Amino acid sequence: MKVEQTKLEGVVIVTPARHGDNRGFFSETFSTRAMAQAGLPSEFVQDNLSRSANKGTVRGLHCQAPPHAQAKLVRCLRGAILDVAVDVRHGSDTYGEWVAVELSDDNGAALLVPEGYLHGFITLTDGVDVFYKCSDHYAPETEMSVRFDDPDIGIDWGMPSDEATLSAKDREAGRLADFVTPFDLGGGPRDA
């Protein structure tokens, strides 16, 4: 398993080895032992699968607040996505900064998004299946969101925001400037 650190603390790209021959390939996509040996979280309690029919579908930016905050291990099983994590940890030197990683059935990579980060993705192809493991169960009362196209964050989604397909909930999400983060690393008063 290959582990690559991104510019955001704890947000890592995890790419399992693929063993191929004339039949195709085999890959061990998740192992608690391999994750623990790499110093990564390995306790997940829920698996989710989302299917998006069309290119340009955006899901996010979401997180859950404590006590049900979630780390996510995100993988694209069919098609391709641009997967995004945004740091919303108060006191972090990278608060409001983001990383984007292309995940696809071709590259087999996964993105580990720890607690304290917003998460979202855009589909880069039609017919996309995204599978992700979560470290806590879905708790709608703790769900929080920020607009995917918030200019204060400035994510390059690769297409105009008015062409994206969104849920009504995601379209109505607020701005980062109004987001009161429940994730605190210390370091003084919060801005919001």
C-alpha atoms as a PDB file:
ATOM      1  CA  MET A   1       0.000   0.000   0.000  1.00  0.00           C
ATOM      2  CA  LYS A   2       1.346   3.401  -0.981  1.00  0.00           C
ATOM      3  CA  VAL A   3       0.563   6.366   1.302  1.00  0.00           C
ATOM      4  CA  GLU A   4       1.064   9.956   0.115  1.00  0.00           C
ATOM      5  CA  GLN A   5       0.662  12.946   2.444  1.00  0.00           C
ATOM      6  CA  THR A   6      -1.142  15.964   0.969  1.00  0.00           C
ATOM      7  CA  LYS A   7      -0.527  19.561   2.065  1.00  0.00           C
ATOM      8  CA  LEU A   8      -3.288  19.165   4.689  1.00  0.00           C
ATOM      9  CA  GLU A   9      -2.436  17.398   7.924  1.00  0.00           C
ATOM     10  CA  GLY A  10      -3.866  13.896   8.030  1.00  0.00           C
ATOM     11  CA  VAL A  11      -5.401  14.028   4.544  1.00  0.00           C
ATOM     12  CA  VAL A  12      -3.620  11.236   2.702  1.00  0.00           C
ATOM     13  CA  ILE A  13      -3.888   9.372  -0.577  1.00  0.00           C
ATOM     14  CA  VAL A  14      -3.910   5.620  -0.035  1.00  0.00           C
ATOM     15  CA  THR A  15      -3.239   3.442  -3.082  1.00  0.00           C
ATOM     16  CA  PRO A  16      -3.323  -0.313  -2.591  1.00  0.00           C
ATOM     17  CA  ALA A  17      -1.133  -2.580  -4.694  1.00  0.00           C
ATOM     18  CA  ARG A  18      -2.707  -4.244  -7.719  1.00  0.00           C
ATOM     19  CA  HIS A  19      -1.586  -7.692  -8.835  1.00  0.00           C
ATOM     20  CA  GLY A  20      -2.527  -8.271 -12.458  1.00  0.00           C
ATOM     21  CA  ASP A  21      -2.340 -10.913 -15.129  1.00  0.00           C
ATOM     22  CA  ASN A  22      -4.219 -11.787 -18.311  1.00  0.00           C
ATOM     23  CA  ARG A  23      -7.491 -12.108 -16.327  1.00  0.00           C
ATOM     24  CA  GLY A  24      -7.358  -8.584 -14.866  1.00  0.00           C
ATOM     25  CA  PHE A  25      -6.127  -7.696 -11.381  1.00  0.00           C
ATOM     26  CA  PHE A  26      -6.576  -8.374  -7.672  1.00  0.00           C
ATOM     27  CA  SER A  27      -6.262  -5.671  -5.021  1.00  0.00           C
ATOM     28  CA  GLU A  28      -6.710  -5.755  -1.266  1.00  0.00           C
ATOM     29  CA  THR A  29      -8.576  -2.453  -0.984  1.00  0.00           C
ATOM     30  CA  PHE A  30      -8.706  -2.253   2.815  1.00  0.00           C
ATOM     31  CA  SER A  31      -6.842  -3.872   5.685  1.00  0.00           C
ATOM     32  CA  THR A  32      -6.989  -2.751   9.310  1.00  0.00           C
ATOM     33  CA  ARG A  33      -3.497  -4.194   9.773  1.00  0.00           C
ATOM     34  CA  ALA A  34      -2.000  -2.268   6.816  1.00  0.00           C
ATOM     35  CA  MET A  35      -3.738   0.957   7.885  1.00  0.00           C
ATOM     36  CA  ALA A  36      -2.503   0.586  11.474  1.00  0.00           C
ATOM     37  CA  GLN A  37       1.046  -0.194  10.284  1.00  0.00           C
ATOM     38  CA  ALA A  38       0.955   3.043   8.252  1.00  0.00           C
ATOM     39  CA  GLY A  39      -0.252   4.959  11.325  1.00  0.00           C
ATOM     40  CA  LEU A  40      -3.670   5.623   9.773  1.00  0.00           C
ATOM     41  CA  PRO A  41      -7.110   5.260  11.334  1.00  0.00           C
ATOM     42  CA  SER A  42      -8.535   1.814  10.730  1.00  0.00           C
ATOM     43  CA  GLU A  43     -11.729   1.776  12.779  1.00  0.00           C
ATOM     44  CA  PHE A  44     -14.690   2.261  10.460  1.00  0.00           C
ATOM     45  CA  VAL A  45     -18.287   1.437  11.372  1.00  0.00           C
ATOM     46  CA  GLN A  46     -20.297   2.255   8.248  1.00  0.00           C
ATOM     47  CA  ASP A  47     -19.849   1.793   4.500  1.00  0.00           C
ATOM     48  CA  ASN A  48     -21.672   4.036   2.012  1.00  0.00           C
ATOM     49  CA  LEU A  49     -22.173   3.795  -1.733  1.00  0.00           C
ATOM     50  CA  SER A  50     -23.338   6.684  -3.893  1.00  0.00           C
ATOM     51  CA  ARG A  51     -24.209   6.428  -7.566  1.00  0.00           C
ATOM     52  CA  SER A  52     -24.271   9.492  -9.805  1.00  0.00           C
ATOM     53  CA  ALA A  53     -25.681   9.205 -13.306  1.00  0.00           C
ATOM     54  CA  ASN A  54     -24.146  12.293 -14.887  1.00  0.00           C
ATOM     55  CA  LYS A  55     -20.826  14.070 -15.193  1.00  0.00           C
ATOM     56  CA  GLY A  56     -20.841  17.334 -13.224  1.00  0.00           C
ATOM     57  CA  THR A  57     -22.734  16.029 -10.193  1.00  0.00           C
ATOM     58  CA  VAL A  58     -21.487  17.620  -6.965  1.00  0.00           C
ATOM     59  CA  ARG A  59     -21.963  16.130  -3.518  1.00  0.00           C
ATOM     60  CA  GLY A  60     -20.743  18.312  -0.670  1.00  0.00           C
ATOM     61  CA  LEU A  61     -19.190  20.045   1.082  1.00  0.00           C
ATOM     62  CA  HIS A  62     -20.234  18.131   4.240  1.00  0.00           C
ATOM     63  CA  CYS A  63     -19.051  17.051   7.664  1.00  0.00           C
ATOM     64  CA  GLN A  64     -20.566  15.847  10.912  1.00  0.00           C
ATOM     65  CA  ALA A  65     -19.940  17.638  14.207  1.00  0.00           C
ATOM     66  CA  PRO A  66     -18.769  15.899  17.366  1.00  0.00           C
ATOM     67  CA  PRO A  67     -19.777  13.694  19.053  1.00  0.00           C
ATOM     68  CA  HIS A  68     -20.473  12.036  15.681  1.00  0.00           C
ATOM     69  CA  ALA A  69     -17.604  13.488  13.645  1.00  0.00           C
ATOM     70  CA  GLN A  70     -16.510  11.180  10.848  1.00  0.00           C
ATOM     71  CA  ALA A  71     -13.252  10.292   9.206  1.00  0.00           C
ATOM     72  CA  LYS A  72     -13.880   8.972   5.689  1.00  0.00           C
ATOM     73  CA  LEU A  73     -11.904   6.705   3.387  1.00  0.00           C
ATOM     74  CA  VAL A  74     -13.245   7.512  -0.094  1.00  0.00           C
ATOM     75  CA  ARG A  75     -12.758   5.405  -3.238  1.00  0.00           C
ATOM     76  CA  CYS A  76     -14.247   5.595  -6.726  1.00  0.00           C
ATOM     77  CA  LEU A  77     -15.316   2.143  -7.927  1.00  0.00           C
ATOM     78  CA  ARG A  78     -16.663   3.158 -11.333  1.00  0.00           C
ATOM     79  CA  GLY A  79     -15.850   6.255 -13.388  1.00  0.00           C
ATOM     80  CA  ALA A  80     -13.862   9.155 -11.945  1.00  0.00           C
ATOM     81  CA  ILE A  81     -14.281  11.963  -9.405  1.00  0.00           C
ATOM     82  CA  LEU A  82     -12.391  14.974  -8.167  1.00  0.00           C
ATOM     83  CA  ASP A  83     -12.450  14.410  -4.405  1.00  0.00           C
ATOM     84  CA  VAL A  84     -11.996  17.452  -2.159  1.00  0.00           C
ATOM     85  CA  ALA A  85     -11.159  18.027   1.518  1.00  0.00           C
ATOM     86  CA  VAL A  86     -11.309  21.476   3.170  1.00  0.00           C
ATOM     87  CA  ASP A  87      -9.679  22.144   6.542  1.00  0.00           C
ATOM     88  CA  VAL A  88     -12.193  23.560   9.057  1.00  0.00           C
ATOM     89  CA  ARG A  89     -10.174  22.977  12.232  1.00  0.00           C
ATOM     90  CA  HIS A  90     -10.097  26.189  14.262  1.00  0.00           C
ATOM     91  CA  GLY A  91      -6.496  27.026  15.130  1.00  0.00           C
ATOM     92  CA  SER A  92      -5.078  25.189  12.121  1.00  0.00           C
ATOM     93  CA  ASP A  93      -2.475  26.966   9.970  1.00  0.00           C
ATOM     94  CA  THR A  94      -4.336  25.646   6.920  1.00  0.00           C
ATOM     95  CA  TYR A  95      -7.894  26.599   7.966  1.00  0.00           C
ATOM     96  CA  GLY A  96     -10.016  27.127   4.837  1.00  0.00           C
ATOM     97  CA  GLU A  97      -7.426  25.543   2.530  1.00  0.00           C
ATOM     98  CA  TRP A  98      -8.314  22.604   0.314  1.00  0.00           C
ATOM     99  CA  VAL A  99      -6.845  19.699  -1.602  1.00  0.00           C
ATOM    100  CA  ALA A 100      -8.340  17.902  -4.585  1.00  0.00           C
ATOM    101  CA  VAL A 101      -7.396  14.428  -5.758  1.00  0.00           C
ATOM    102  CA  GLU A 102      -8.665  12.521  -8.772  1.00  0.00           C
ATOM    103  CA  LEU A 103      -9.976   9.125  -7.749  1.00  0.00           C
ATOM    104  CA  SER A 104     -10.997   6.619 -10.412  1.00  0.00           C
ATOM    105  CA  ASP A 105     -11.559   2.967 -11.111  1.00  0.00           C
ATOM    106  CA  ASP A 106      -8.359   3.160 -13.170  1.00  0.00           C
ATOM    107  CA  ASN A 107      -6.021   4.511 -10.468  1.00  0.00           C
ATOM    108  CA  GLY A 108      -7.567   2.595  -7.531  1.00  0.00           C
ATOM    109  CA  ALA A 109      -6.560   5.340  -5.089  1.00  0.00           C
ATOM    110  CA  ALA A 110      -8.548   6.363  -2.022  1.00  0.00           C
ATOM    111  CA  LEU A 111      -8.537   9.614  -0.060  1.00  0.00           C
ATOM    112  CA  LEU A 112      -8.505   9.539   3.736  1.00  0.00           C
ATOM    113  CA  VAL A 113     -10.381  12.587   5.037  1.00  0.00           C
ATOM    114  CA  PRO A 114     -10.011  12.892   8.831  1.00  0.00           C
ATOM    115  CA  GLU A 115     -12.404  14.503  11.277  1.00  0.00           C
ATOM    116  CA  GLY A 116     -12.222  18.291  11.069  1.00  0.00           C
ATOM    117  CA  TYR A 117     -12.473  18.520   7.297  1.00  0.00           C
ATOM    118  CA  LEU A 118     -15.351  19.229   4.952  1.00  0.00           C
ATOM    119  CA  HIS A 119     -15.628  16.662   2.178  1.00  0.00           C
ATOM    120  CA  GLY A 120     -17.149  16.750  -1.284  1.00  0.00           C
ATOM    121  CA  PHE A 121     -16.654  15.572  -4.839  1.00  0.00           C
ATOM    122  CA  ILE A 122     -17.635  16.230  -8.430  1.00  0.00           C
ATOM    123  CA  THR A 123     -18.131  13.477 -10.976  1.00  0.00           C
ATOM    124  CA  LEU A 124     -15.744  13.692 -13.925  1.00  0.00           C
ATOM    125  CA  THR A 125     -17.569  11.043 -15.969  1.00  0.00           C
ATOM    126  CA  ASP A 126     -21.076   9.704 -16.391  1.00  0.00           C
ATOM    127  CA  GLY A 127     -21.971   6.599 -14.388  1.00  0.00           C
ATOM    128  CA  VAL A 128     -19.970   7.025 -11.187  1.00  0.00           C
ATOM    129  CA  ASP A 129     -20.007   4.817  -8.100  1.00  0.00           C
ATOM    130  CA  VAL A 130     -18.278   6.160  -4.980  1.00  0.00           C
ATOM    131  CA  PHE A 131     -17.713   3.906  -1.980  1.00  0.00           C
ATOM    132  CA  TYR A 132     -16.590   5.263   1.347  1.00  0.00           C
ATOM    133  CA  LYS A 133     -15.967   3.994   4.835  1.00  0.00           C
ATOM    134  CA  CYS A 134     -16.978   6.183   7.806  1.00  0.00           C
ATOM    135  CA  SER A 135     -15.606   6.145  11.346  1.00  0.00           C
ATOM    136  CA  ASP A 136     -19.001   6.982  12.897  1.00  0.00           C
ATOM    137  CA  HIS A 137     -22.603   6.361  11.968  1.00  0.00           C
ATOM    138  CA  TYR A 138     -24.663   8.896  10.039  1.00  0.00           C
ATOM    139  CA  ALA A 139     -26.230  11.346  12.497  1.00  0.00           C
ATOM    140  CA  PRO A 140     -28.305  13.907  10.554  1.00  0.00           C
ATOM    141  CA  GLU A 141     -28.669  16.172  13.593  1.00  0.00           C
ATOM    142  CA  THR A 142     -24.898  16.792  13.512  1.00  0.00           C
ATOM    143  CA  GLU A 143     -24.561  17.288   9.756  1.00  0.00           C
ATOM    144  CA  MET A 144     -22.998  20.577   8.625  1.00  0.00           C
ATOM    145  CA  SER A 145     -22.326  21.942   5.155  1.00  0.00           C
ATOM    146  CA  VAL A 146     -20.703  24.778   3.244  1.00  0.00           C
ATOM    147  CA  ARG A 147     -21.316  25.838  -0.361  1.00  0.00           C
ATOM    148  CA  PHE A 148     -19.172  23.916  -2.819  1.00  0.00           C
ATOM    149  CA  ASP A 149     -18.550  27.113  -4.807  1.00  0.00           C
ATOM    150  CA  ASP A 150     -17.810  29.444  -1.890  1.00  0.00           C
ATOM    151  CA  PRO A 151     -15.433  32.071  -3.349  1.00  0.00           C
ATOM    152  CA  ASP A 152     -13.643  32.358   0.009  1.00  0.00           C
ATOM    153  CA  ILE A 153     -12.480  28.755  -0.436  1.00  0.00           C
ATOM    154  CA  GLY A 154     -12.005  28.982  -4.206  1.00  0.00           C
ATOM    155  CA  ILE A 155     -12.080  25.312  -5.190  1.00  0.00           C
ATOM    156  CA  ASP A 156     -11.428  24.737  -8.892  1.00  0.00           C
ATOM    157  CA  TRP A 157     -14.115  22.185  -9.766  1.00  0.00           C
ATOM    158  CA  GLY A 158     -13.204  22.248 -13.456  1.00  0.00           C
ATOM    159  CA  MET A 159     -16.587  23.593 -14.565  1.00  0.00           C
ATOM    160  CA  PRO A 160     -18.801  26.632 -13.978  1.00  0.00           C
ATOM    161  CA  SER A 161     -20.798  26.257 -10.752  1.00  0.00           C
ATOM    162  CA  ASP A 162     -24.093  26.990 -12.517  1.00  0.00           C
ATOM    163  CA  GLU A 163     -23.594  23.859 -14.646  1.00  0.00           C
ATOM    164  CA  ALA A 164     -23.227  21.541 -11.650  1.00  0.00           C
ATOM    165  CA  THR A 165     -25.993  19.166 -10.605  1.00  0.00           C
ATOM    166  CA  LEU A 166     -26.684  19.572  -6.872  1.00  0.00           C
ATOM    167  CA  SER A 167     -29.201  18.504  -4.277  1.00  0.00           C
ATOM    168  CA  ALA A 168     -31.467  21.257  -2.931  1.00  0.00           C
ATOM    169  CA  LYS A 169     -29.707  20.934   0.438  1.00  0.00           C
ATOM    170  CA  ASP A 170     -26.273  21.490  -1.101  1.00  0.00           C
ATOM    171  CA  ARG A 171     -27.511  24.431  -3.176  1.00  0.00           C
ATOM    172  CA  GLU A 172     -28.783  26.118   0.028  1.00  0.00           C
ATOM    173  CA  ALA A 173     -25.583  25.578   2.053  1.00  0.00           C
ATOM    174  CA  GLY A 174     -24.000  28.629   3.668  1.00  0.00           C
ATOM    175  CA  ARG A 175     -20.599  30.233   3.295  1.00  0.00           C
ATOM    176  CA  LEU A 176     -17.407  29.408   5.172  1.00  0.00           C
ATOM    177  CA  ALA A 177     -17.427  32.941   6.623  1.00  0.00           C
ATOM    178  CA  ASP A 178     -20.658  32.038   8.466  1.00  0.00           C
ATOM    179  CA  PHE A 179     -19.576  28.514   9.435  1.00  0.00           C
ATOM    180  CA  VAL A 180     -18.951  28.038  13.170  1.00  0.00           C
ATOM    181  CA  THR A 181     -16.602  25.112  13.305  1.00  0.00           C
ATOM    182  CA  PRO A 182     -16.986  22.554  16.073  1.00  0.00           C
ATOM    183  CA  PHE A 183     -13.392  21.375  15.527  1.00  0.00           C
ATOM    184  CA  ASP A 184     -10.979  23.260  17.775  1.00  0.00           C
ATOM    185  CA  LEU A 185      -7.209  22.784  17.923  1.00  0.00           C
ATOM    186  CA  GLY A 186      -6.900  25.666  20.394  1.00  0.00           C
ATOM    187  CA  GLY A 187      -5.103  28.886  19.689  1.00  0.00           C
ATOM    188  CA  GLY A 188      -7.466  31.694  20.590  1.00  0.00           C
ATOM    189  CA  PRO A 189     -10.973  32.936  19.941  1.00  0.00           C
ATOM    190  CA  ARG A 190     -12.959  31.858  16.915  1.00  0.00           C
ATOM    191  CA  ASP A 191     -13.766  34.316  14.170  1.00  0.00           C
ATOM    192  CA  ALA A 192     -17.402  33.269  13.890  1.00  0.00           C
END
